[in-house]
Amino acid sequence: MKTRTLGKTGVPIAAIGLGCMGMSEFYGPRDDRESTRVIHRALDLGINLLDTADVYGMGHNEALVGRAIADRRDKAFVATKFGNVRNAKGEWLGVDGHADYVRRSCETSLKRLGVQVIDLYYQHRVDAEVPIEDTVGAMTRLVEEGKVRFLGLSEAAAKTVRRAHKVHPIAALQTEYSLWSRDPEEELLATCRDLEITFVAYSPLGRGFLSGRFTSPADFPKDDYRPNHPRFQGENLERNVALLRRVESIAKRHGCTSSQLALAWLLARGEEIVPIPGTKRLKYLEENAAAADVSLTADDREALEEAVPRGAVAGPRYVEAAMRRVNL
């Protein structure tokens, strides 16, 4: 696997990482044994960046990742997050960026992961009630104590990133970015380039949509949340499938899958971009990894961007309640 450098740290990370969320919830039933095989195979392929969070599966995902890397910690670059708060039933309660919560969350994540230090620690969502300087100040103390190596933010606005970066260097900003979610092109990407921050693109395949495997509600497994997502519903889905067919046509000409084309497009957008497609299947892990070897010319990029113009995708990124947690 090709590598890219994490921010200004000099640390190499895989050009394509692995999002682990779906191994625990949201995308159908769990299969811990298969998920562990996927993590092991990812590490064997050189995909060292493993992305998790304390709320994925209510702690299950961190524990799963921790068990999987227990005998190969040196191969893994572990990123986890804090800030989103859920109750015992899994209901979303809000966002917490207070200093005491930051510390408690870190201690809990370290135990679940079974590691001495977290490689990259993100604030999952920005707390509108707590100055970002206070939250990042608390995260900085974790770095000073050797519990965290590098700091990141997730779904933070450009102005928030700049404020945070003045307190402590931000190594990575994680935000949704793909052919069907191009909002970061307005300001965030320029901010990351200016401050030399790695841009970690989550949902780089549009929650699996750009794979072409989910074009009707019947295509989703049991307990999958995506049929409730605005972009997978009714007329929105029909309009988005029409866009997908354009991507598939271009992918066919390149002799690759639409997933590989979508990932290659992100990689071609800049050296600071690192997509983290999620999967719990070996087949799709290896397919995604091979996208690093798909080369696109400037004309190829332009063709894709014309096929899926900014603003053409139907429906918002999240339901209204979830969008309120995004720092704009």
C-alpha atoms as a PDB file:
ATOM      1  CA  MET A   1       0.000   0.000   0.000  1.00  0.00           C
ATOM      2  CA  LYS A   2       1.236   3.458  -0.905  1.00  0.00           C
ATOM      3  CA  THR A   3       1.631   5.884   1.979  1.00  0.00           C
ATOM      4  CA  ARG A   4       0.975   9.525   2.706  1.00  0.00           C
ATOM      5  CA  THR A   5       2.326  11.685   5.518  1.00  0.00           C
ATOM      6  CA  LEU A   6       0.115  12.571   8.486  1.00  0.00           C
ATOM      7  CA  GLY A   7       0.013  16.346   8.580  1.00  0.00           C
ATOM      8  CA  LYS A   8       3.374  17.839   9.541  1.00  0.00           C
ATOM      9  CA  THR A   9       4.245  14.890  11.801  1.00  0.00           C
ATOM     10  CA  GLY A  10       6.433  13.050   9.298  1.00  0.00           C
ATOM     11  CA  VAL A  11       4.583   9.830  10.191  1.00  0.00           C
ATOM     12  CA  PRO A  12       3.597   7.643   7.199  1.00  0.00           C
ATOM     13  CA  ILE A  13       0.057   6.327   7.056  1.00  0.00           C
ATOM     14  CA  ALA A  14      -1.667   4.250   4.407  1.00  0.00           C
ATOM     15  CA  ALA A  15      -2.996   6.216   1.438  1.00  0.00           C
ATOM     16  CA  ILE A  16      -6.248   4.305   1.967  1.00  0.00           C
ATOM     17  CA  GLY A  17      -7.300   3.479   5.522  1.00  0.00           C
ATOM     18  CA  LEU A  18      -9.970   1.193   6.967  1.00  0.00           C
ATOM     19  CA  GLY A  19     -13.157   2.480   8.541  1.00  0.00           C
ATOM     20  CA  CYS A  20     -14.257  -0.022  11.187  1.00  0.00           C
ATOM     21  CA  MET A  21     -17.653   1.409  12.249  1.00  0.00           C
ATOM     22  CA  GLY A  22     -19.792  -0.946  10.175  1.00  0.00           C
ATOM     23  CA  MET A  23     -18.222  -3.957  11.856  1.00  0.00           C
ATOM     24  CA  SER A  24     -20.229  -3.122  14.971  1.00  0.00           C
ATOM     25  CA  GLU A  25     -23.476  -1.427  13.927  1.00  0.00           C
ATOM     26  CA  PHE A  26     -25.462   0.608  11.392  1.00  0.00           C
ATOM     27  CA  TYR A  27     -24.661  -1.640   8.399  1.00  0.00           C
ATOM     28  CA  GLY A  28     -26.337  -4.923   9.278  1.00  0.00           C
ATOM     29  CA  PRO A  29     -25.397  -7.851  11.559  1.00  0.00           C
ATOM     30  CA  ARG A  30     -22.031  -8.221  13.275  1.00  0.00           C
ATOM     31  CA  ASP A  31     -19.555 -10.961  12.504  1.00  0.00           C
ATOM     32  CA  ASP A  32     -16.582 -10.454  14.811  1.00  0.00           C
ATOM     33  CA  ARG A  33     -14.626 -13.359  13.380  1.00  0.00           C
ATOM     34  CA  GLU A  34     -14.865 -12.087   9.811  1.00  0.00           C
ATOM     35  CA  SER A  35     -14.203  -8.510  10.917  1.00  0.00           C
ATOM     36  CA  THR A  36     -11.043  -9.632  12.684  1.00  0.00           C
ATOM     37  CA  ARG A  37      -9.890 -11.353   9.497  1.00  0.00           C
ATOM     38  CA  VAL A  38     -10.508  -8.122   7.605  1.00  0.00           C
ATOM     39  CA  ILE A  39      -8.419  -6.104  10.075  1.00  0.00           C
ATOM     40  CA  HIS A  40      -5.595  -8.649   9.937  1.00  0.00           C
ATOM     41  CA  ARG A  41      -5.653  -8.679   6.141  1.00  0.00           C
ATOM     42  CA  ALA A  42      -5.676  -4.880   6.055  1.00  0.00           C
ATOM     43  CA  LEU A  43      -2.538  -4.770   8.182  1.00  0.00           C
ATOM     44  CA  ASP A  44      -0.895  -7.398   5.968  1.00  0.00           C
ATOM     45  CA  LEU A  45      -1.657  -5.198   2.938  1.00  0.00           C
ATOM     46  CA  GLY A  46      -0.025  -2.219   4.623  1.00  0.00           C
ATOM     47  CA  ILE A  47      -3.308  -0.525   5.524  1.00  0.00           C
ATOM     48  CA  ASN A  48      -2.186   0.631   8.945  1.00  0.00           C
ATOM     49  CA  LEU A  49      -4.783   3.364   9.565  1.00  0.00           C
ATOM     50  CA  LEU A  50      -7.686   1.844  11.505  1.00  0.00           C
ATOM     51  CA  ASP A  51     -10.539   4.224  12.280  1.00  0.00           C
ATOM     52  CA  THR A  52     -12.947   3.642  15.157  1.00  0.00           C
ATOM     53  CA  ALA A  53     -14.814   5.637  17.840  1.00  0.00           C
ATOM     54  CA  ASP A  54     -16.104   5.136  21.360  1.00  0.00           C
ATOM     55  CA  VAL A  55     -19.764   5.288  20.255  1.00  0.00           C
ATOM     56  CA  TYR A  56     -19.529   2.710  17.466  1.00  0.00           C
ATOM     57  CA  GLY A  57     -21.421  -0.248  18.845  1.00  0.00           C
ATOM     58  CA  MET A  58     -21.405   1.432  22.267  1.00  0.00           C
ATOM     59  CA  GLY A  59     -17.759   0.498  22.800  1.00  0.00           C
ATOM     60  CA  HIS A  60     -17.919  -2.788  20.902  1.00  0.00           C
ATOM     61  CA  ASN A  61     -15.918  -1.454  17.955  1.00  0.00           C
ATOM     62  CA  GLU A  62     -12.987  -0.233  20.015  1.00  0.00           C
ATOM     63  CA  ALA A  63     -12.875  -3.555  21.853  1.00  0.00           C
ATOM     64  CA  LEU A  64     -13.015  -5.448  18.552  1.00  0.00           C
ATOM     65  CA  VAL A  65     -10.163  -3.419  17.077  1.00  0.00           C
ATOM     66  CA  GLY A  66      -8.191  -3.825  20.293  1.00  0.00           C
ATOM     67  CA  ARG A  67      -8.467  -7.604  20.229  1.00  0.00           C
ATOM     68  CA  ALA A  68      -7.582  -7.729  16.542  1.00  0.00           C
ATOM     69  CA  ILE A  69      -4.356  -5.754  16.947  1.00  0.00           C
ATOM     70  CA  ALA A  70      -3.295  -7.196  20.308  1.00  0.00           C
ATOM     71  CA  ASP A  71      -0.504  -9.296  18.788  1.00  0.00           C
ATOM     72  CA  ARG A  72       0.414  -6.835  16.018  1.00  0.00           C
ATOM     73  CA  ARG A  73       0.223  -3.408  17.639  1.00  0.00           C
ATOM     74  CA  ASP A  74       3.346  -2.252  15.831  1.00  0.00           C
ATOM     75  CA  LYS A  75       1.579  -2.585  12.462  1.00  0.00           C
ATOM     76  CA  ALA A  76      -1.474  -0.519  13.401  1.00  0.00           C
ATOM     77  CA  PHE A  77      -1.994   3.227  13.512  1.00  0.00           C
ATOM     78  CA  VAL A  78      -5.118   3.522  15.655  1.00  0.00           C
ATOM     79  CA  ALA A  79      -7.477   6.475  15.375  1.00  0.00           C
ATOM     80  CA  THR A  80     -10.462   6.820  17.677  1.00  0.00           C
ATOM     81  CA  LYS A  81     -12.855   9.577  18.681  1.00  0.00           C
ATOM     82  CA  PHE A  82     -14.788  11.059  21.582  1.00  0.00           C
ATOM     83  CA  GLY A  83     -17.521  13.671  21.886  1.00  0.00           C
ATOM     84  CA  ASN A  84     -20.739  12.071  20.658  1.00  0.00           C
ATOM     85  CA  VAL A  85     -22.778  10.939  23.651  1.00  0.00           C
ATOM     86  CA  ARG A  86     -25.288   8.094  23.679  1.00  0.00           C
ATOM     87  CA  ASN A  87     -27.200   6.426  26.493  1.00  0.00           C
ATOM     88  CA  ALA A  88     -27.337   2.725  27.344  1.00  0.00           C
ATOM     89  CA  LYS A  89     -30.080   2.221  24.746  1.00  0.00           C
ATOM     90  CA  GLY A  90     -27.904   3.752  22.046  1.00  0.00           C
ATOM     91  CA  GLU A  91     -29.972   6.919  21.794  1.00  0.00           C
ATOM     92  CA  TRP A  92     -28.080  10.072  20.827  1.00  0.00           C
ATOM     93  CA  LEU A  93     -27.914  12.568  23.679  1.00  0.00           C
ATOM     94  CA  GLY A  94     -25.694  15.282  22.256  1.00  0.00           C
ATOM     95  CA  VAL A  95     -22.061  16.362  22.177  1.00  0.00           C
ATOM     96  CA  ASP A  96     -19.664  16.876  25.089  1.00  0.00           C
ATOM     97  CA  GLY A  97     -16.381  18.730  24.771  1.00  0.00           C
ATOM     98  CA  HIS A  98     -15.738  19.519  28.443  1.00  0.00           C
ATOM     99  CA  ALA A  99     -12.242  18.835  29.747  1.00  0.00           C
ATOM    100  CA  ASP A 100     -13.303  16.234  32.297  1.00  0.00           C
ATOM    101  CA  TYR A 101     -15.265  14.343  29.649  1.00  0.00           C
ATOM    102  CA  VAL A 102     -12.289  14.392  27.288  1.00  0.00           C
ATOM    103  CA  ARG A 103     -10.105  12.764  29.932  1.00  0.00           C
ATOM    104  CA  ARG A 104     -12.680  10.157  30.976  1.00  0.00           C
ATOM    105  CA  SER A 105     -13.333   9.225  27.365  1.00  0.00           C
ATOM    106  CA  CYS A 106      -9.640   8.804  26.640  1.00  0.00           C
ATOM    107  CA  GLU A 107      -9.078   6.571  29.657  1.00  0.00           C
ATOM    108  CA  THR A 108     -12.038   4.397  28.664  1.00  0.00           C
ATOM    109  CA  SER A 109     -10.883   4.132  25.039  1.00  0.00           C
ATOM    110  CA  LEU A 110      -7.359   3.161  26.112  1.00  0.00           C
ATOM    111  CA  LYS A 111      -8.795   0.312  28.192  1.00  0.00           C
ATOM    112  CA  ARG A 112     -11.126  -0.920  25.459  1.00  0.00           C
ATOM    113  CA  LEU A 113      -8.394  -0.804  22.840  1.00  0.00           C
ATOM    114  CA  GLY A 114      -5.889  -2.422  25.191  1.00  0.00           C
ATOM    115  CA  VAL A 115      -3.169   0.048  24.179  1.00  0.00           C
ATOM    116  CA  GLN A 116      -0.837   2.363  26.056  1.00  0.00           C
ATOM    117  CA  VAL A 117      -1.287   5.240  23.638  1.00  0.00           C
ATOM    118  CA  ILE A 118      -3.839   6.295  21.015  1.00  0.00           C
ATOM    119  CA  ASP A 119      -2.112   7.268  17.783  1.00  0.00           C
ATOM    120  CA  LEU A 120      -4.706   9.793  16.598  1.00  0.00           C
ATOM    121  CA  TYR A 121      -7.421  11.148  18.881  1.00  0.00           C
ATOM    122  CA  TYR A 122     -10.306  13.065  17.312  1.00  0.00           C
ATOM    123  CA  GLN A 123     -13.048  15.185  18.733  1.00  0.00           C
ATOM    124  CA  HIS A 124     -15.917  13.439  16.941  1.00  0.00           C
ATOM    125  CA  ARG A 125     -18.202  16.476  16.854  1.00  0.00           C
ATOM    126  CA  VAL A 126     -17.616  20.029  18.029  1.00  0.00           C
ATOM    127  CA  ASP A 127     -19.460  21.020  21.207  1.00  0.00           C
ATOM    128  CA  ALA A 128     -21.177  24.332  20.477  1.00  0.00           C
ATOM    129  CA  GLU A 129     -21.342  25.072  24.217  1.00  0.00           C
ATOM    130  CA  VAL A 130     -17.616  24.669  24.901  1.00  0.00           C
ATOM    131  CA  PRO A 131     -14.920  26.854  23.313  1.00  0.00           C
ATOM    132  CA  ILE A 132     -12.801  24.737  20.999  1.00  0.00           C
ATOM    133  CA  GLU A 133      -9.738  26.133  22.771  1.00  0.00           C
ATOM    134  CA  ASP A 134     -10.856  24.476  26.011  1.00  0.00           C
ATOM    135  CA  THR A 135     -11.492  21.098  24.414  1.00  0.00           C
ATOM    136  CA  VAL A 136      -8.222  21.074  22.466  1.00  0.00           C
ATOM    137  CA  GLY A 137      -6.443  22.280  25.594  1.00  0.00           C
ATOM    138  CA  ALA A 138      -7.676  19.170  27.395  1.00  0.00           C
ATOM    139  CA  MET A 139      -6.618  16.996  24.456  1.00  0.00           C
ATOM    140  CA  THR A 140      -3.183  18.642  24.526  1.00  0.00           C
ATOM    141  CA  ARG A 141      -2.692  17.542  28.116  1.00  0.00           C
ATOM    142  CA  LEU A 142      -3.301  13.960  27.014  1.00  0.00           C
ATOM    143  CA  VAL A 143      -0.489  14.347  24.492  1.00  0.00           C
ATOM    144  CA  GLU A 144       1.786  15.754  27.180  1.00  0.00           C
ATOM    145  CA  GLU A 145       1.008  12.768  29.398  1.00  0.00           C
ATOM    146  CA  GLY A 146       1.850  10.287  26.624  1.00  0.00           C
ATOM    147  CA  LYS A 147      -1.707   8.939  26.291  1.00  0.00           C
ATOM    148  CA  VAL A 148      -2.241  10.359  22.810  1.00  0.00           C
ATOM    149  CA  ARG A 149       0.256  10.973  19.994  1.00  0.00           C
ATOM    150  CA  PHE A 150      -1.600  13.273  17.599  1.00  0.00           C
ATOM    151  CA  LEU A 151      -4.818  15.294  17.605  1.00  0.00           C
ATOM    152  CA  GLY A 152      -7.651  15.486  15.124  1.00  0.00           C
ATOM    153  CA  LEU A 153     -11.070  17.043  14.636  1.00  0.00           C
ATOM    154  CA  SER A 154     -14.111  15.631  12.866  1.00  0.00           C
ATOM    155  CA  GLU A 155     -16.799  17.618  11.034  1.00  0.00           C
ATOM    156  CA  ALA A 156     -15.303  20.931  12.183  1.00  0.00           C
ATOM    157  CA  ALA A 157     -15.718  24.165  10.246  1.00  0.00           C
ATOM    158  CA  ALA A 158     -12.666  25.860   8.751  1.00  0.00           C
ATOM    159  CA  LYS A 159     -12.738  28.690  11.299  1.00  0.00           C
ATOM    160  CA  THR A 160     -12.930  26.135  14.126  1.00  0.00           C
ATOM    161  CA  VAL A 161      -9.967  24.226  12.716  1.00  0.00           C
ATOM    162  CA  ARG A 162      -7.883  27.396  12.620  1.00  0.00           C
ATOM    163  CA  ARG A 163      -8.732  28.258  16.219  1.00  0.00           C
ATOM    164  CA  ALA A 164      -7.915  24.739  17.363  1.00  0.00           C
ATOM    165  CA  HIS A 165      -4.640  24.681  15.448  1.00  0.00           C
ATOM    166  CA  LYS A 166      -3.431  27.719  17.392  1.00  0.00           C
ATOM    167  CA  VAL A 167      -3.772  25.763  20.650  1.00  0.00           C
ATOM    168  CA  HIS A 168      -2.051  22.594  19.427  1.00  0.00           C
ATOM    169  CA  PRO A 169      -1.142  21.327  15.949  1.00  0.00           C
ATOM    170  CA  ILE A 170      -4.069  19.466  14.408  1.00  0.00           C
ATOM    171  CA  ALA A 171      -2.713  16.529  12.436  1.00  0.00           C
ATOM    172  CA  ALA A 172      -5.949  15.441  10.746  1.00  0.00           C
ATOM    173  CA  LEU A 173      -9.424  16.681   9.971  1.00  0.00           C
ATOM    174  CA  GLN A 174     -12.015  14.006   9.267  1.00  0.00           C
ATOM    175  CA  THR A 175     -15.090  14.939   7.269  1.00  0.00           C
ATOM    176  CA  GLU A 176     -17.406  13.215   4.833  1.00  0.00           C
ATOM    177  CA  TYR A 177     -16.074  13.607   1.301  1.00  0.00           C
ATOM    178  CA  SER A 178     -16.805  11.716  -1.890  1.00  0.00           C
ATOM    179  CA  LEU A 179     -18.155  12.222  -5.382  1.00  0.00           C
ATOM    180  CA  TRP A 180     -21.591  12.603  -3.844  1.00  0.00           C
ATOM    181  CA  SER A 181     -20.548  14.788  -0.861  1.00  0.00           C
ATOM    182  CA  ARG A 182     -18.297  17.557  -2.126  1.00  0.00           C
ATOM    183  CA  ASP A 183     -18.942  20.272   0.479  1.00  0.00           C
ATOM    184  CA  PRO A 184     -15.301  20.281   1.708  1.00  0.00           C
ATOM    185  CA  GLU A 185     -14.227  21.776  -1.611  1.00  0.00           C
ATOM    186  CA  GLU A 186     -15.752  25.098  -0.588  1.00  0.00           C
ATOM    187  CA  GLU A 187     -13.266  25.914   2.197  1.00  0.00           C
ATOM    188  CA  LEU A 188     -12.105  22.950   4.266  1.00  0.00           C
ATOM    189  CA  LEU A 189      -9.655  21.486   1.776  1.00  0.00           C
ATOM    190  CA  ALA A 190      -7.982  24.854   1.286  1.00  0.00           C
ATOM    191  CA  THR A 191      -7.688  25.246   5.056  1.00  0.00           C
ATOM    192  CA  CYS A 192      -6.076  21.828   5.414  1.00  0.00           C
ATOM    193  CA  ARG A 193      -3.611  22.587   2.637  1.00  0.00           C
ATOM    194  CA  ASP A 194      -2.752  25.938   4.181  1.00  0.00           C
ATOM    195  CA  LEU A 195      -2.141  24.463   7.647  1.00  0.00           C
ATOM    196  CA  GLU A 196      -0.654  21.182   6.346  1.00  0.00           C
ATOM    197  CA  ILE A 197      -3.361  19.055   7.927  1.00  0.00           C
ATOM    198  CA  THR A 198      -4.260  15.637   6.541  1.00  0.00           C
ATOM    199  CA  PHE A 199      -7.840  15.460   5.293  1.00  0.00           C
ATOM    200  CA  VAL A 200      -9.342  12.076   6.203  1.00  0.00           C
ATOM    201  CA  ALA A 201     -12.350  11.428   3.984  1.00  0.00           C
ATOM    202  CA  TYR A 202     -14.956   9.263   5.685  1.00  0.00           C
ATOM    203  CA  SER A 203     -17.796   7.650   3.735  1.00  0.00           C
ATOM    204  CA  PRO A 204     -15.686   8.005   0.566  1.00  0.00           C
ATOM    205  CA  LEU A 205     -18.053   5.591  -1.187  1.00  0.00           C
ATOM    206  CA  GLY A 206     -21.192   7.434  -0.129  1.00  0.00           C
ATOM    207  CA  ARG A 207     -22.064   4.878   2.563  1.00  0.00           C
ATOM    208  CA  GLY A 208     -21.621   2.145  -0.007  1.00  0.00           C
ATOM    209  CA  PHE A 209     -23.782   3.792  -2.643  1.00  0.00           C
ATOM    210  CA  LEU A 210     -20.908   4.337  -5.070  1.00  0.00           C
ATOM    211  CA  SER A 211     -20.172   0.606  -5.002  1.00  0.00           C
ATOM    212  CA  GLY A 212     -23.368   0.096  -6.983  1.00  0.00           C
ATOM    213  CA  ARG A 213     -24.623  -2.573  -4.600  1.00  0.00           C
ATOM    214  CA  PHE A 214     -27.459  -0.528  -3.063  1.00  0.00           C
ATOM    215  CA  THR A 215     -29.863   0.854  -5.612  1.00  0.00           C
ATOM    216  CA  SER A 216     -33.169  -0.065  -3.958  1.00  0.00           C
ATOM    217  CA  PRO A 217     -34.404  -0.518  -0.356  1.00  0.00           C
ATOM    218  CA  ALA A 218     -34.491  -4.302  -0.937  1.00  0.00           C
ATOM    219  CA  ASP A 219     -30.704  -4.370  -1.372  1.00  0.00           C
ATOM    220  CA  PHE A 220     -29.936  -3.617   2.263  1.00  0.00           C
ATOM    221  CA  PRO A 221     -29.347  -6.271   4.937  1.00  0.00           C
ATOM    222  CA  LYS A 222     -31.505  -6.518   8.037  1.00  0.00           C
ATOM    223  CA  ASP A 223     -30.866  -3.867  10.706  1.00  0.00           C
ATOM    224  CA  ASP A 224     -29.144  -1.579   8.209  1.00  0.00           C
ATOM    225  CA  TYR A 225     -29.858   2.082   8.936  1.00  0.00           C
ATOM    226  CA  ARG A 226     -29.268   3.370   5.409  1.00  0.00           C
ATOM    227  CA  PRO A 227     -32.873   2.974   4.158  1.00  0.00           C
ATOM    228  CA  ASN A 228     -33.687   5.710   6.693  1.00  0.00           C
ATOM    229  CA  HIS A 229     -31.066   8.014   5.187  1.00  0.00           C
ATOM    230  CA  PRO A 230     -32.502  10.826   2.993  1.00  0.00           C
ATOM    231  CA  ARG A 231     -30.292  10.010   0.015  1.00  0.00           C
ATOM    232  CA  PHE A 232     -31.509   6.406  -0.073  1.00  0.00           C
ATOM    233  CA  GLN A 233     -35.210   7.241  -0.111  1.00  0.00           C
ATOM    234  CA  GLY A 234     -37.849   7.641  -2.799  1.00  0.00           C
ATOM    235  CA  GLU A 235     -37.177  10.131  -5.567  1.00  0.00           C
ATOM    236  CA  ASN A 236     -33.819  11.015  -4.039  1.00  0.00           C
ATOM    237  CA  LEU A 237     -32.631   7.459  -4.561  1.00  0.00           C
ATOM    238  CA  GLU A 238     -33.922   7.364  -8.134  1.00  0.00           C
ATOM    239  CA  ARG A 239     -32.057  10.578  -9.001  1.00  0.00           C
ATOM    240  CA  ASN A 240     -28.899   9.378  -7.309  1.00  0.00           C
ATOM    241  CA  VAL A 241     -28.954   6.029  -9.115  1.00  0.00           C
ATOM    242  CA  ALA A 242     -28.965   7.947 -12.400  1.00  0.00           C
ATOM    243  CA  LEU A 243     -25.734   9.649 -11.297  1.00  0.00           C
ATOM    244  CA  LEU A 244     -24.281   6.303 -10.238  1.00  0.00           C
ATOM    245  CA  ARG A 245     -24.854   4.868 -13.720  1.00  0.00           C
ATOM    246  CA  ARG A 246     -22.619   7.607 -15.140  1.00  0.00           C
ATOM    247  CA  VAL A 247     -19.845   6.675 -12.705  1.00  0.00           C
ATOM    248  CA  GLU A 248     -20.225   2.998 -13.565  1.00  0.00           C
ATOM    249  CA  SER A 249     -19.911   3.786 -17.272  1.00  0.00           C
ATOM    250  CA  ILE A 250     -16.633   5.640 -16.722  1.00  0.00           C
ATOM    251  CA  ALA A 251     -15.338   2.868 -14.446  1.00  0.00           C
ATOM    252  CA  LYS A 252     -16.043   0.286 -17.125  1.00  0.00           C
ATOM    253  CA  ARG A 253     -13.884   2.225 -19.580  1.00  0.00           C
ATOM    254  CA  HIS A 254     -11.061   2.201 -16.998  1.00  0.00           C
ATOM    255  CA  GLY A 255     -11.394  -1.520 -16.326  1.00  0.00           C
ATOM    256  CA  CYS A 256     -12.103  -1.012 -12.636  1.00  0.00           C
ATOM    257  CA  THR A 257     -15.090  -0.991 -10.304  1.00  0.00           C
ATOM    258  CA  SER A 258     -17.058   2.145  -9.503  1.00  0.00           C
ATOM    259  CA  SER A 259     -15.761   1.910  -5.915  1.00  0.00           C
ATOM    260  CA  GLN A 260     -12.170   1.890  -7.116  1.00  0.00           C
ATOM    261  CA  LEU A 261     -12.826   4.811  -9.431  1.00  0.00           C
ATOM    262  CA  ALA A 262     -14.403   6.860  -6.638  1.00  0.00           C
ATOM    263  CA  LEU A 263     -11.445   6.202  -4.326  1.00  0.00           C
ATOM    264  CA  ALA A 264      -8.918   6.928  -7.074  1.00  0.00           C
ATOM    265  CA  TRP A 265     -10.670  10.240  -7.702  1.00  0.00           C
ATOM    266  CA  LEU A 266     -10.222  11.222  -4.053  1.00  0.00           C
ATOM    267  CA  LEU A 267      -6.557  10.232  -4.062  1.00  0.00           C
ATOM    268  CA  ALA A 268      -6.019  12.283  -7.196  1.00  0.00           C
ATOM    269  CA  ARG A 269      -7.526  15.371  -5.579  1.00  0.00           C
ATOM    270  CA  GLY A 270      -4.421  15.920  -3.447  1.00  0.00           C
ATOM    271  CA  GLU A 271      -1.672  14.301  -1.420  1.00  0.00           C
ATOM    272  CA  GLU A 272      -3.270  15.518   1.807  1.00  0.00           C
ATOM    273  CA  ILE A 273      -6.399  13.393   1.245  1.00  0.00           C
ATOM    274  CA  VAL A 274      -6.681   9.929   2.819  1.00  0.00           C
ATOM    275  CA  PRO A 275      -9.989   8.079   2.286  1.00  0.00           C
ATOM    276  CA  ILE A 276     -11.108   5.506   4.858  1.00  0.00           C
ATOM    277  CA  PRO A 277     -13.675   3.232   3.179  1.00  0.00           C
ATOM    278  CA  GLY A 278     -15.378   0.952   5.639  1.00  0.00           C
ATOM    279  CA  THR A 279     -15.999  -2.734   5.096  1.00  0.00           C
ATOM    280  CA  LYS A 280     -16.348  -5.974   7.020  1.00  0.00           C
ATOM    281  CA  ARG A 281     -15.754  -8.252   4.036  1.00  0.00           C
ATOM    282  CA  LEU A 282     -12.370  -9.401   2.713  1.00  0.00           C
ATOM    283  CA  LYS A 283     -13.535  -9.141  -0.887  1.00  0.00           C
ATOM    284  CA  TYR A 284     -14.317  -5.450  -0.604  1.00  0.00           C
ATOM    285  CA  LEU A 285     -11.236  -4.692   1.478  1.00  0.00           C
ATOM    286  CA  GLU A 286      -8.995  -6.025  -1.269  1.00  0.00           C
ATOM    287  CA  GLU A 287     -11.021  -4.291  -3.962  1.00  0.00           C
ATOM    288  CA  ASN A 288     -10.703  -0.967  -2.126  1.00  0.00           C
ATOM    289  CA  ALA A 289      -6.982  -1.432  -1.533  1.00  0.00           C
ATOM    290  CA  ALA A 290      -6.410  -1.942  -5.254  1.00  0.00           C
ATOM    291  CA  ALA A 291      -7.823   1.529  -5.921  1.00  0.00           C
ATOM    292  CA  ALA A 292      -4.444   2.954  -4.902  1.00  0.00           C
ATOM    293  CA  ASP A 293      -3.082   1.619  -8.183  1.00  0.00           C
ATOM    294  CA  VAL A 294      -5.758   3.198 -10.394  1.00  0.00           C
ATOM    295  CA  SER A 295      -4.288   6.221 -12.170  1.00  0.00           C
ATOM    296  CA  LEU A 296      -6.465   9.124 -13.296  1.00  0.00           C
ATOM    297  CA  THR A 297      -5.506  11.958 -15.585  1.00  0.00           C
ATOM    298  CA  ALA A 298      -6.780  15.513 -15.237  1.00  0.00           C
ATOM    299  CA  ASP A 299      -9.227  14.727 -18.052  1.00  0.00           C
ATOM    300  CA  ASP A 300     -10.466  11.658 -16.146  1.00  0.00           C
ATOM    301  CA  ARG A 301     -11.093  13.758 -13.065  1.00  0.00           C
ATOM    302  CA  GLU A 302     -12.929  16.358 -15.088  1.00  0.00           C
ATOM    303  CA  ALA A 303     -15.140  13.706 -16.674  1.00  0.00           C
ATOM    304  CA  LEU A 304     -16.104  12.341 -13.283  1.00  0.00           C
ATOM    305  CA  GLU A 305     -16.807  15.768 -11.869  1.00  0.00           C
ATOM    306  CA  GLU A 306     -19.022  16.529 -14.852  1.00  0.00           C
ATOM    307  CA  ALA A 307     -20.815  13.203 -14.404  1.00  0.00           C
ATOM    308  CA  VAL A 308     -21.545  14.006 -10.756  1.00  0.00           C
ATOM    309  CA  PRO A 309     -21.518  17.811 -10.479  1.00  0.00           C
ATOM    310  CA  ARG A 310     -21.359  19.502  -7.110  1.00  0.00           C
ATOM    311  CA  GLY A 311     -24.873  19.869  -5.747  1.00  0.00           C
ATOM    312  CA  ALA A 312     -26.363  17.271  -8.099  1.00  0.00           C
ATOM    313  CA  VAL A 313     -26.882  14.572  -5.448  1.00  0.00           C
ATOM    314  CA  ALA A 314     -30.426  14.511  -4.102  1.00  0.00           C
ATOM    315  CA  GLY A 315     -31.048  14.728  -0.363  1.00  0.00           C
ATOM    316  CA  PRO A 316     -29.065  16.025   2.631  1.00  0.00           C
ATOM    317  CA  ARG A 317     -26.041  14.174   4.062  1.00  0.00           C
ATOM    318  CA  TYR A 318     -27.883  13.275   7.283  1.00  0.00           C
ATOM    319  CA  VAL A 319     -31.315  13.518   8.811  1.00  0.00           C
ATOM    320  CA  GLU A 320     -32.016  16.909  10.388  1.00  0.00           C
ATOM    321  CA  ALA A 321     -31.068  15.928  13.951  1.00  0.00           C
ATOM    322  CA  ALA A 322     -27.675  14.610  12.863  1.00  0.00           C
ATOM    323  CA  MET A 323     -26.977  17.660  10.711  1.00  0.00           C
ATOM    324  CA  ARG A 324     -27.434  19.843  13.775  1.00  0.00           C
ATOM    325  CA  ARG A 325     -24.351  18.176  15.266  1.00  0.00           C
ATOM    326  CA  VAL A 326     -22.213  19.256  12.318  1.00  0.00           C
ATOM    327  CA  ASN A 327     -20.087  22.357  12.980  1.00  0.00           C
ATOM    328  CA  LEU A 328     -20.781  24.781  10.105  1.00  0.00           C
END
